[in-house]
Amino acid sequence: MSTSSKPSTDNSGLTHFDSTGQAHMVDVGGKDETRRVAVASGVIRMQPATLAIIDSGTAKKGDVLGIARIAAIMAAKRTSDLIPLCHPLALTHVSVEFETRADDASVLCTARVETTGKTGVEMEALTAVQIGLLTVYDMCKAVDKSMVMSDICVTEKRGGKSDITMARP
């Protein structure tokens, strides 16, 4: 596959492409430093017996949610190493919460990430959630290969040009 050098000025609002359509890191140099906050969440659904193992703390690999929390925090800190055009950020706070839900045999993961800087932390919050849920999958796959992760989204963003609050799907 080749890349075209044909100039294009219509990037349909996508900021990670220059006027010729080539990928680039967004220049945030002219932005003001503000307090930035993002909250993201997602769900992993599983068999009820798998959730019971997580709740009882009897998984062979150990404390599933404790290990998943550490993995999620580590992932937030390493987001720029994983997503090619993300800026490396000095995070000031990362919290990750898990809620087990017996009614639909699921675990809800919520990550809150904060910094003071020139760009937002949505990608860090989303990465934390994804890795937290993947860690739950990894730790439980020996007993349940049918787990499904879904509904991963940003539910709150503060700081910068726009703020959002969105209900979970």
Protein backbone atom coordinates (compact mmCIF):
# COMPACT_ATOMS: atom_id res chain seq x y z
CA MET A 1 0.00 0.00 0.00
CA SER A 2 1.38 3.41 -0.89
CA THR A 3 0.71 6.78 0.64
CA SER A 4 -0.48 9.58 -1.56
CA SER A 5 1.35 12.89 -1.68
CA LYS A 6 -1.73 14.54 -3.12
CA PRO A 7 -2.51 17.66 -1.03
CA SER A 8 -5.82 17.69 0.79
CA THR A 9 -7.15 20.41 3.00
CA ASP A 10 -10.23 18.51 4.21
CA ASN A 11 -9.32 16.33 7.19
CA SER A 12 -12.94 16.30 8.40
CA GLY A 13 -11.83 17.70 11.75
CA LEU A 14 -9.23 14.98 12.39
CA THR A 15 -6.36 16.77 14.14
CA HIS A 16 -3.71 14.05 13.79
CA PHE A 17 -3.33 14.66 10.04
CA ASP A 18 -1.62 17.58 8.33
CA SER A 19 -2.91 19.36 5.24
CA THR A 20 -1.46 16.64 3.01
CA GLY A 21 -3.10 13.84 4.97
CA GLN A 22 0.08 12.67 6.70
CA ALA A 23 -0.09 11.65 10.36
CA HIS A 24 1.56 13.97 12.87
CA MET A 25 1.59 14.71 16.58
CA VAL A 26 -0.72 17.64 17.36
CA ASP A 27 1.13 20.83 18.35
CA VAL A 28 -0.11 21.80 21.82
CA GLY A 29 2.62 24.37 22.40
CA GLY A 30 0.27 27.34 22.18
CA LYS A 31 -2.32 25.94 24.58
CA ASP A 32 -2.67 27.09 28.18
CA GLU A 33 -1.89 24.68 30.98
CA THR A 34 -5.07 23.79 32.82
CA ARG A 35 -6.20 21.10 35.20
CA ARG A 36 -7.32 18.16 33.04
CA VAL A 37 -9.54 15.32 34.24
CA ALA A 38 -10.98 12.34 32.37
CA VAL A 39 -13.12 9.47 33.57
CA ALA A 40 -13.65 6.36 31.48
CA SER A 41 -15.37 3.08 32.15
CA GLY A 42 -16.03 -0.33 30.65
CA VAL A 43 -17.50 -3.71 31.48
CA ILE A 44 -16.42 -7.33 31.26
CA ARG A 45 -19.22 -9.90 31.31
CA MET A 46 -18.61 -13.48 32.37
CA GLN A 47 -20.20 -16.65 33.64
CA PRO A 48 -21.70 -16.27 37.14
CA ALA A 49 -19.29 -18.91 38.46
CA THR A 50 -16.35 -16.81 37.26
CA LEU A 51 -17.68 -13.75 39.07
CA ALA A 52 -18.07 -15.87 42.21
CA ILE A 53 -14.38 -16.83 42.01
CA ILE A 54 -13.41 -13.14 41.68
CA ASP A 55 -15.66 -12.14 44.59
CA SER A 56 -14.41 -14.93 46.85
CA GLY A 57 -10.74 -14.24 46.12
CA THR A 58 -10.05 -17.88 45.23
CA ALA A 59 -8.61 -17.39 41.73
CA LYS A 60 -5.45 -19.46 41.24
CA LYS A 61 -3.50 -16.40 40.07
CA GLY A 62 -4.41 -14.35 43.16
CA ASP A 63 -6.40 -11.17 43.85
CA VAL A 64 -7.88 -10.55 40.40
CA LEU A 65 -9.16 -7.02 40.96
CA GLY A 66 -6.13 -5.90 42.98
CA ILE A 67 -3.76 -6.98 40.23
CA ALA A 68 -6.04 -5.51 37.54
CA ARG A 69 -6.03 -2.17 39.40
CA ILE A 70 -2.22 -2.03 39.42
CA ALA A 71 -2.11 -3.01 35.73
CA ALA A 72 -4.61 -0.26 34.87
CA ILE A 73 -2.63 2.39 36.74
CA MET A 74 0.59 1.28 35.05
CA ALA A 75 -1.15 1.40 31.66
CA ALA A 76 -2.35 4.97 32.20
CA LYS A 77 1.25 5.99 32.91
CA ARG A 78 2.49 4.28 29.72
CA THR A 79 -0.22 5.39 27.27
CA SER A 80 2.15 7.42 25.08
CA ASP A 81 4.29 4.28 24.65
CA LEU A 82 1.24 2.39 23.33
CA ILE A 83 -0.65 4.97 21.26
CA PRO A 84 1.75 6.41 18.67
CA LEU A 85 0.60 10.04 18.55
CA CYS A 86 -0.22 10.59 22.24
CA HIS A 87 1.84 13.13 24.12
CA PRO A 88 3.77 11.82 27.13
CA LEU A 89 2.11 13.36 30.20
CA ALA A 90 3.09 13.85 33.82
CA LEU A 91 0.00 12.45 35.48
CA THR A 92 -0.88 13.87 38.88
CA HIS A 93 -3.48 11.27 39.86
CA VAL A 94 -4.83 7.91 38.65
CA SER A 95 -7.56 5.99 40.44
CA VAL A 96 -9.17 2.77 39.28
CA GLU A 97 -12.28 1.22 40.79
CA PHE A 98 -13.91 -2.12 40.11
CA GLU A 99 -17.51 -2.96 40.89
CA THR A 100 -18.74 -6.54 40.69
CA ARG A 101 -22.33 -6.85 39.57
CA ALA A 102 -24.13 -10.13 40.24
CA ASP A 103 -27.28 -9.14 38.31
CA ASP A 104 -25.51 -9.51 34.95
CA ALA A 105 -22.33 -11.38 36.06
CA SER A 106 -20.05 -8.49 35.18
CA VAL A 107 -17.30 -6.28 36.48
CA LEU A 108 -17.43 -2.53 35.85
CA CYS A 109 -14.05 -0.77 35.67
CA THR A 110 -13.87 3.01 36.12
CA ALA A 111 -10.64 4.99 35.77
CA ARG A 112 -10.11 8.64 36.70
CA VAL A 113 -6.95 10.33 35.44
CA GLU A 114 -5.74 13.85 36.21
CA THR A 115 -2.91 16.15 35.19
CA THR A 116 -2.11 19.83 34.82
CA GLY A 117 -1.04 20.38 31.26
CA LYS A 118 -1.75 21.44 27.69
CA THR A 119 -3.61 18.34 26.53
CA GLY A 120 -6.31 16.08 27.92
CA VAL A 121 -6.08 12.68 29.58
CA GLU A 122 -8.93 10.84 27.85
CA MET A 123 -6.58 8.36 26.18
CA GLU A 124 -4.92 7.59 29.52
CA ALA A 125 -8.29 6.91 31.16
CA LEU A 126 -9.43 4.72 28.25
CA THR A 127 -6.13 2.81 28.24
CA ALA A 128 -6.40 2.21 31.99
CA VAL A 129 -9.89 0.74 31.56
CA GLN A 130 -8.91 -1.48 28.62
CA ILE A 131 -5.85 -2.89 30.38
CA GLY A 132 -7.74 -3.34 33.64
CA LEU A 133 -10.40 -5.38 31.84
CA LEU A 134 -7.80 -7.32 29.84
CA THR A 135 -6.05 -8.22 33.10
CA VAL A 136 -9.32 -9.56 34.52
CA TYR A 137 -9.67 -11.63 31.33
CA ASP A 138 -6.09 -12.90 31.57
CA MET A 139 -6.44 -13.90 35.19
CA CYS A 140 -9.76 -15.71 34.66
CA LYS A 141 -9.43 -17.20 31.17
CA ALA A 142 -8.48 -20.62 32.56
CA VAL A 143 -12.03 -21.00 33.87
CA ASP A 144 -13.97 -18.82 31.40
CA LYS A 145 -12.94 -18.16 27.82
CA SER A 146 -16.35 -16.67 26.97
CA MET A 147 -15.83 -13.32 28.76
CA VAL A 148 -16.74 -10.23 26.72
CA MET A 149 -15.50 -6.67 27.19
CA SER A 150 -17.76 -3.85 26.03
CA ASP A 151 -19.14 -0.36 26.54
CA ILE A 152 -15.70 1.25 26.95
CA CYS A 153 -16.19 5.01 26.84
CA VAL A 154 -15.23 8.39 28.24
CA THR A 155 -17.93 9.49 30.68
CA GLU A 156 -16.37 12.76 31.80
CA LYS A 157 -13.77 15.21 30.50
CA ARG A 158 -12.80 18.49 32.19
CA GLY A 159 -10.27 21.14 31.20
CA GLY A 160 -9.22 22.58 27.88
CA LYS A 161 -11.64 23.90 25.26
CA SER A 162 -14.60 21.65 26.06
CA ASP A 163 -16.07 19.72 28.96
CA ILE A 164 -18.34 16.70 28.61
CA THR A 165 -20.37 14.48 30.87
CA MET A 166 -21.93 11.41 29.33
CA ALA A 167 -24.02 8.64 30.82
CA ARG A 168 -22.68 5.11 30.44
CA PRO A 169 -24.24 3.25 27.50
